[in-house]
Amino acid sequence: MITQFKSLFRRFQAEETGAITVDFVVLVSAIIGLSIMVMAIIWEGAFAFTQRLNNEVESIEVIVY
């Protein structure tokens, strides 16, 4: 599957006609958009986890003798 994407990318890169260039721009913008959405989801989950962890750590009592 990765080999197919590599060959597709090489064809996009080698082709200089307008239609292929437009397709490539749309493809790259879709990949970037999806990446941003995935990063937002991961960031939200990681932030919630760190908040819970912070609350747990703050609730630990340390006894000094």
PDB file of N, CA and C in Angstrom:
ATOM      1  N   MET A   1       0.820  -1.182   0.000  1.00  0.00           N
ATOM      2  CA  MET A   1       0.000   0.000   0.000  1.00  0.00           C
ATOM      3  C   MET A   1       0.872   1.256   0.000  1.00  0.00           C
ATOM      4  N   ILE A   2       1.940   1.232   0.799  1.00  0.00           N
ATOM      5  CA  ILE A   2       2.834   2.387   0.836  1.00  0.00           C
ATOM      6  C   ILE A   2       3.516   2.564  -0.505  1.00  0.00           C
ATOM      7  N   THR A   3       3.829   1.457  -1.169  1.00  0.00           N
ATOM      8  CA  THR A   3       4.463   1.543  -2.486  1.00  0.00           C
ATOM      9  C   THR A   3       3.527   2.217  -3.490  1.00  0.00           C
ATOM     10  N   GLN A   4       2.237   1.932  -3.365  1.00  0.00           N
ATOM     11  CA  GLN A   4       1.266   2.562  -4.265  1.00  0.00           C
ATOM     12  C   GLN A   4       1.217   4.067  -4.024  1.00  0.00           C
ATOM     13  N   PHE A   5       1.250   4.485  -2.747  1.00  0.00           N
ATOM     14  CA  PHE A   5       1.240   5.912  -2.443  1.00  0.00           C
ATOM     15  C   PHE A   5       2.512   6.582  -2.944  1.00  0.00           C
ATOM     16  N   LYS A   6       3.641   5.884  -2.819  1.00  0.00           N
ATOM     17  CA  LYS A   6       4.899   6.447  -3.304  1.00  0.00           C
ATOM     18  C   LYS A   6       4.863   6.638  -4.808  1.00  0.00           C
ATOM     19  N   SER A   7       4.350   5.641  -5.521  1.00  0.00           N
ATOM     20  CA  SER A   7       4.286   5.775  -6.985  1.00  0.00           C
ATOM     21  C   SER A   7       3.286   6.859  -7.381  1.00  0.00           C
ATOM     22  N   LEU A   8       2.174   6.961  -6.648  1.00  0.00           N
ATOM     23  CA  LEU A   8       1.203   8.019  -6.924  1.00  0.00           C
ATOM     24  C   LEU A   8       1.827   9.384  -6.683  1.00  0.00           C
ATOM     25  N   PHE A   9       2.569   9.512  -5.586  1.00  0.00           N
ATOM     26  CA  PHE A   9       3.230  10.783  -5.284  1.00  0.00           C
ATOM     27  C   PHE A   9       4.249  11.131  -6.367  1.00  0.00           C
ATOM     28  N   ARG A  10       5.010  10.132  -6.824  1.00  0.00           N
ATOM     29  CA  ARG A  10       6.005  10.389  -7.886  1.00  0.00           C
ATOM     30  C   ARG A  10       5.324  10.858  -9.171  1.00  0.00           C
ATOM     31  N   ARG A  11       4.166  10.226  -9.479  1.00  0.00           N
ATOM     32  CA  ARG A  11       3.439  10.662 -10.678  1.00  0.00           C
ATOM     33  C   ARG A  11       2.923  12.088 -10.514  1.00  0.00           C
ATOM     34  N   PHE A  12       2.403  12.417  -9.320  1.00  0.00           N
ATOM     35  CA  PHE A  12       1.949  13.780  -9.060  1.00  0.00           C
ATOM     36  C   PHE A  12       3.106  14.763  -9.188  1.00  0.00           C
ATOM     37  N   GLN A  13       4.230  14.386  -8.652  1.00  0.00           N
ATOM     38  CA  GLN A  13       5.383  15.263  -8.648  1.00  0.00           C
ATOM     39  C   GLN A  13       5.930  15.459 -10.064  1.00  0.00           C
ATOM     40  N   ALA A  14       5.895  14.421 -10.876  1.00  0.00           N
ATOM     41  CA  ALA A  14       6.462  14.503 -12.225  1.00  0.00           C
ATOM     42  C   ALA A  14       5.521  15.213 -13.201  1.00  0.00           C
ATOM     43  N   GLU A  15       4.232  15.105 -12.975  1.00  0.00           N
ATOM     44  CA  GLU A  15       3.253  15.686 -13.890  1.00  0.00           C
ATOM     45  C   GLU A  15       3.201  17.197 -13.709  1.00  0.00           C
ATOM     46  N   GLU A  16       3.147  17.913 -14.812  1.00  0.00           N
ATOM     47  CA  GLU A  16       3.140  19.361 -14.738  1.00  0.00           C
ATOM     48  C   GLU A  16       1.896  19.984 -15.337  1.00  0.00           C
ATOM     49  N   THR A  17       0.904  19.204 -15.627  1.00  0.00           N
ATOM     50  CA  THR A  17      -0.329  19.771 -16.161  1.00  0.00           C
ATOM     51  C   THR A  17      -1.188  20.286 -15.017  1.00  0.00           C
ATOM     52  N   GLY A  18      -2.123  21.143 -15.334  1.00  0.00           N
ATOM     53  CA  GLY A  18      -2.910  21.812 -14.310  1.00  0.00           C
ATOM     54  C   GLY A  18      -3.803  20.909 -13.490  1.00  0.00           C
ATOM     55  N   ALA A  19      -4.445  19.919 -14.120  1.00  0.00           N
ATOM     56  CA  ALA A  19      -5.399  19.085 -13.401  1.00  0.00           C
ATOM     57  C   ALA A  19      -4.711  18.279 -12.300  1.00  0.00           C
ATOM     58  N   ILE A  20      -3.556  17.759 -12.578  1.00  0.00           N
ATOM     59  CA  ILE A  20      -2.830  16.979 -11.581  1.00  0.00           C
ATOM     60  C   ILE A  20      -2.381  17.878 -10.441  1.00  0.00           C
ATOM     61  N   THR A  21      -1.963  19.091 -10.759  1.00  0.00           N
ATOM     62  CA  THR A  21      -1.542  20.030  -9.734  1.00  0.00           C
ATOM     63  C   THR A  21      -2.702  20.361  -8.806  1.00  0.00           C
ATOM     64  N   VAL A  22      -3.879  20.577  -9.360  1.00  0.00           N
ATOM     65  CA  VAL A  22      -5.062  20.862  -8.547  1.00  0.00           C
ATOM     66  C   VAL A  22      -5.400  19.660  -7.680  1.00  0.00           C
ATOM     67  N   ASP A  23      -5.342  18.460  -8.243  1.00  0.00           N
ATOM     68  CA  ASP A  23      -5.600  17.253  -7.463  1.00  0.00           C
ATOM     69  C   ASP A  23      -4.615  17.131  -6.309  1.00  0.00           C
ATOM     70  N   PHE A  24      -3.366  17.423  -6.565  1.00  0.00           N
ATOM     71  CA  PHE A  24      -2.346  17.325  -5.526  1.00  0.00           C
ATOM     72  C   PHE A  24      -2.606  18.338  -4.412  1.00  0.00           C
ATOM     73  N   VAL A  25      -2.990  19.546  -4.777  1.00  0.00           N
ATOM     74  CA  VAL A  25      -3.274  20.579  -3.773  1.00  0.00           C
ATOM     75  C   VAL A  25      -4.462  20.154  -2.915  1.00  0.00           C
ATOM     76  N   VAL A  26      -5.490  19.608  -3.533  1.00  0.00           N
ATOM     77  CA  VAL A  26      -6.659  19.147  -2.787  1.00  0.00           C
ATOM     78  C   VAL A  26      -6.271  17.987  -1.878  1.00  0.00           C
ATOM     79  N   LEU A  27      -5.473  17.066  -2.372  1.00  0.00           N
ATOM     80  CA  LEU A  27      -5.041  15.919  -1.581  1.00  0.00           C
ATOM     81  C   LEU A  27      -4.215  16.364  -0.375  1.00  0.00           C
ATOM     82  N   VAL A  28      -3.272  17.249  -0.586  1.00  0.00           N
ATOM     83  CA  VAL A  28      -2.429  17.725   0.510  1.00  0.00           C
ATOM     84  C   VAL A  28      -3.255  18.506   1.524  1.00  0.00           C
ATOM     85  N   SER A  29      -4.167  19.343   1.065  1.00  0.00           N
ATOM     86  CA  SER A  29      -4.986  20.110   2.009  1.00  0.00           C
ATOM     87  C   SER A  29      -5.900  19.189   2.812  1.00  0.00           C
ATOM     88  N   ALA A  30      -6.408  18.120   2.213  1.00  0.00           N
ATOM     89  CA  ALA A  30      -7.225  17.158   2.955  1.00  0.00           C
ATOM     90  C   ALA A  30      -6.394  16.448   4.012  1.00  0.00           C
ATOM     91  N   ILE A  31      -5.182  16.062   3.663  1.00  0.00           N
ATOM     92  CA  ILE A  31      -4.295  15.401   4.633  1.00  0.00           C
ATOM     93  C   ILE A  31      -3.975  16.348   5.785  1.00  0.00           C
ATOM     94  N   ILE A  32      -3.686  17.593   5.490  1.00  0.00           N
ATOM     95  CA  ILE A  32      -3.380  18.566   6.539  1.00  0.00           C
ATOM     96  C   ILE A  32      -4.604  18.807   7.414  1.00  0.00           C
ATOM     97  N   GLY A  33      -5.774  18.932   6.812  1.00  0.00           N
ATOM     98  CA  GLY A  33      -7.001  19.146   7.575  1.00  0.00           C
ATOM     99  C   GLY A  33      -7.302  17.983   8.507  1.00  0.00           C
ATOM    100  N   LEU A  34      -7.173  16.772   8.005  1.00  0.00           N
ATOM    101  CA  LEU A  34      -7.401  15.602   8.851  1.00  0.00           C
ATOM    102  C   LEU A  34      -6.365  15.511   9.965  1.00  0.00           C
ATOM    103  N   SER A  35      -5.134  15.861   9.659  1.00  0.00           N
ATOM    104  CA  SER A  35      -4.085  15.840  10.680  1.00  0.00           C
ATOM    105  C   SER A  35      -4.378  16.830  11.794  1.00  0.00           C
ATOM    106  N   ILE A  36      -4.866  18.001  11.436  1.00  0.00           N
ATOM    107  CA  ILE A  36      -5.206  19.002  12.441  1.00  0.00           C
ATOM    108  C   ILE A  36      -6.352  18.512  13.318  1.00  0.00           C
ATOM    109  N   MET A  37      -7.357  17.874  12.709  1.00  0.00           N
ATOM    110  CA  MET A  37      -8.471  17.352  13.489  1.00  0.00           C
ATOM    111  C   MET A  37      -8.016  16.254  14.444  1.00  0.00           C
ATOM    112  N   VAL A  38      -7.163  15.368  13.981  1.00  0.00           N
ATOM    113  CA  VAL A  38      -6.659  14.287  14.836  1.00  0.00           C
ATOM    114  C   VAL A  38      -5.823  14.866  15.977  1.00  0.00           C
ATOM    115  N   MET A  39      -4.987  15.842  15.677  1.00  0.00           N
ATOM    116  CA  MET A  39      -4.174  16.462  16.723  1.00  0.00           C
ATOM    117  C   MET A  39      -5.051  17.156  17.762  1.00  0.00           C
ATOM    118  N   ALA A  40      -6.150  17.771  17.330  1.00  0.00           N
ATOM    119  CA  ALA A  40      -7.055  18.431  18.280  1.00  0.00           C
ATOM    120  C   ALA A  40      -7.686  17.408  19.211  1.00  0.00           C
ATOM    121  N   ILE A  41      -8.077  16.264  18.680  1.00  0.00           N
ATOM    122  CA  ILE A  41      -8.675  15.216  19.503  1.00  0.00           C
ATOM    123  C   ILE A  41      -7.652  14.678  20.493  1.00  0.00           C
ATOM    124  N   ILE A  42      -6.447  14.420  20.026  1.00  0.00           N
ATOM    125  CA  ILE A  42      -5.394  13.904  20.905  1.00  0.00           C
ATOM    126  C   ILE A  42      -5.048  14.939  21.968  1.00  0.00           C
ATOM    127  N   TRP A  43      -4.958  16.208  21.575  1.00  0.00           N
ATOM    128  CA  TRP A  43      -4.614  17.268  22.520  1.00  0.00           C
ATOM    129  C   TRP A  43      -5.671  17.366  23.622  1.00  0.00           C
ATOM    130  N   GLU A  44      -6.937  17.292  23.235  1.00  0.00           N
ATOM    131  CA  GLU A  44      -8.024  17.385  24.216  1.00  0.00           C
ATOM    132  C   GLU A  44      -7.965  16.232  25.215  1.00  0.00           C
ATOM    133  N   GLY A  45      -7.734  15.029  24.730  1.00  0.00           N
ATOM    134  CA  GLY A  45      -7.623  13.875  25.614  1.00  0.00           C
ATOM    135  C   GLY A  45      -6.414  13.960  26.524  1.00  0.00           C
ATOM    136  N   ALA A  46      -5.298  14.409  25.989  1.00  0.00           N
ATOM    137  CA  ALA A  46      -4.083  14.525  26.791  1.00  0.00           C
ATOM    138  C   ALA A  46      -4.251  15.609  27.853  1.00  0.00           C
ATOM    139  N   PHE A  47      -4.909  16.699  27.518  1.00  0.00           N
ATOM    140  CA  PHE A  47      -5.124  17.775  28.474  1.00  0.00           C
ATOM    141  C   PHE A  47      -6.034  17.307  29.609  1.00  0.00           C
ATOM    142  N   ALA A  48      -7.093  16.573  29.282  1.00  0.00           N
ATOM    143  CA  ALA A  48      -7.994  16.056  30.317  1.00  0.00           C
ATOM    144  C   ALA A  48      -7.245  15.089  31.236  1.00  0.00           C
ATOM    145  N   PHE A  49      -6.400  14.251  30.658  1.00  0.00           N
ATOM    146  CA  PHE A  49      -5.627  13.309  31.452  1.00  0.00           C
ATOM    147  C   PHE A  49      -4.676  14.043  32.390  1.00  0.00           C
ATOM    148  N   THR A  50      -3.999  15.062  31.898  1.00  0.00           N
ATOM    149  CA  THR A  50      -3.064  15.791  32.756  1.00  0.00           C
ATOM    150  C   THR A  50      -3.793  16.533  33.866  1.00  0.00           C
ATOM    151  N   GLN A  51      -4.996  17.003  33.599  1.00  0.00           N
ATOM    152  CA  GLN A  51      -5.784  17.654  34.648  1.00  0.00           C
ATOM    153  C   GLN A  51      -6.139  16.660  35.744  1.00  0.00           C
ATOM    154  N   ARG A  52      -6.588  15.466  35.367  1.00  0.00           N
ATOM    155  CA  ARG A  52      -6.922  14.435  36.355  1.00  0.00           C
ATOM    156  C   ARG A  52      -5.679  14.022  37.137  1.00  0.00           C
ATOM    157  N   LEU A  53      -4.567  13.860  36.445  1.00  0.00           N
ATOM    158  CA  LEU A  53      -3.326  13.485  37.103  1.00  0.00           C
ATOM    159  C   LEU A  53      -2.878  14.570  38.083  1.00  0.00           C
ATOM    160  N   ASN A  54      -3.006  15.810  37.689  1.00  0.00           N
ATOM    161  CA  ASN A  54      -2.647  16.928  38.559  1.00  0.00           C
ATOM    162  C   ASN A  54      -3.516  16.916  39.818  1.00  0.00           C
ATOM    163  N   ASN A  55      -4.802  16.676  39.670  1.00  0.00           N
ATOM    164  CA  ASN A  55      -5.695  16.623  40.828  1.00  0.00           C
ATOM    165  C   ASN A  55      -5.303  15.487  41.763  1.00  0.00           C
ATOM    166  N   GLU A  56      -4.943  14.347  41.202  1.00  0.00           N
ATOM    167  CA  GLU A  56      -4.527  13.211  42.024  1.00  0.00           C
ATOM    168  C   GLU A  56      -3.235  13.509  42.774  1.00  0.00           C
ATOM    169  N   VAL A  57      -2.275  14.109  42.098  1.00  0.00           N
ATOM    170  CA  VAL A  57      -0.993  14.417  42.728  1.00  0.00           C
ATOM    171  C   VAL A  57      -1.185  15.465  43.821  1.00  0.00           C
ATOM    172  N   GLU A  58      -2.027  16.452  43.572  1.00  0.00           N
ATOM    173  CA  GLU A  58      -2.265  17.481  44.587  1.00  0.00           C
ATOM    174  C   GLU A  58      -2.971  16.927  45.815  1.00  0.00           C
ATOM    175  N   SER A  59      -3.744  15.861  45.658  1.00  0.00           N
ATOM    176  CA  SER A  59      -4.481  15.301  46.800  1.00  0.00           C
ATOM    177  C   SER A  59      -3.611  14.386  47.668  1.00  0.00           C
ATOM    178  N   ILE A  60      -2.426  14.058  47.238  1.00  0.00           N
ATOM    179  CA  ILE A  60      -1.526  13.195  48.025  1.00  0.00           C
ATOM    180  C   ILE A  60      -0.937  14.008  49.173  1.00  0.00           C
ATOM    181  N   GLU A  61      -1.041  13.458  50.356  1.00  0.00           N
ATOM    182  CA  GLU A  61      -0.476  14.131  51.508  1.00  0.00           C
ATOM    183  C   GLU A  61       0.918  13.586  51.778  1.00  0.00           C
ATOM    184  N   VAL A  62       1.845  14.476  52.018  1.00  0.00           N
ATOM    185  CA  VAL A  62       3.219  14.093  52.303  1.00  0.00           C
ATOM    186  C   VAL A  62       3.472  14.341  53.784  1.00  0.00           C
ATOM    187  N   ILE A  63       3.905  13.310  54.473  1.00  0.00           N
ATOM    188  CA  ILE A  63       4.180  13.432  55.900  1.00  0.00           C
ATOM    189  C   ILE A  63       5.683  13.537  56.097  1.00  0.00           C
ATOM    190  N   VAL A  64       6.113  14.570  56.769  1.00  0.00           N
ATOM    191  CA  VAL A  64       7.531  14.786  57.040  1.00  0.00           C
ATOM    192  C   VAL A  64       7.755  14.553  58.524  1.00  0.00           C
ATOM    193  N   TYR A  65       8.680  13.693  58.873  1.00  0.00           N
ATOM    194  CA  TYR A  65       8.984  13.388  60.282  1.00  0.00           C
ATOM    195  C   TYR A  65      10.149  14.193  60.756  1.00  0.00           C
TER     196      TYR A  65
END
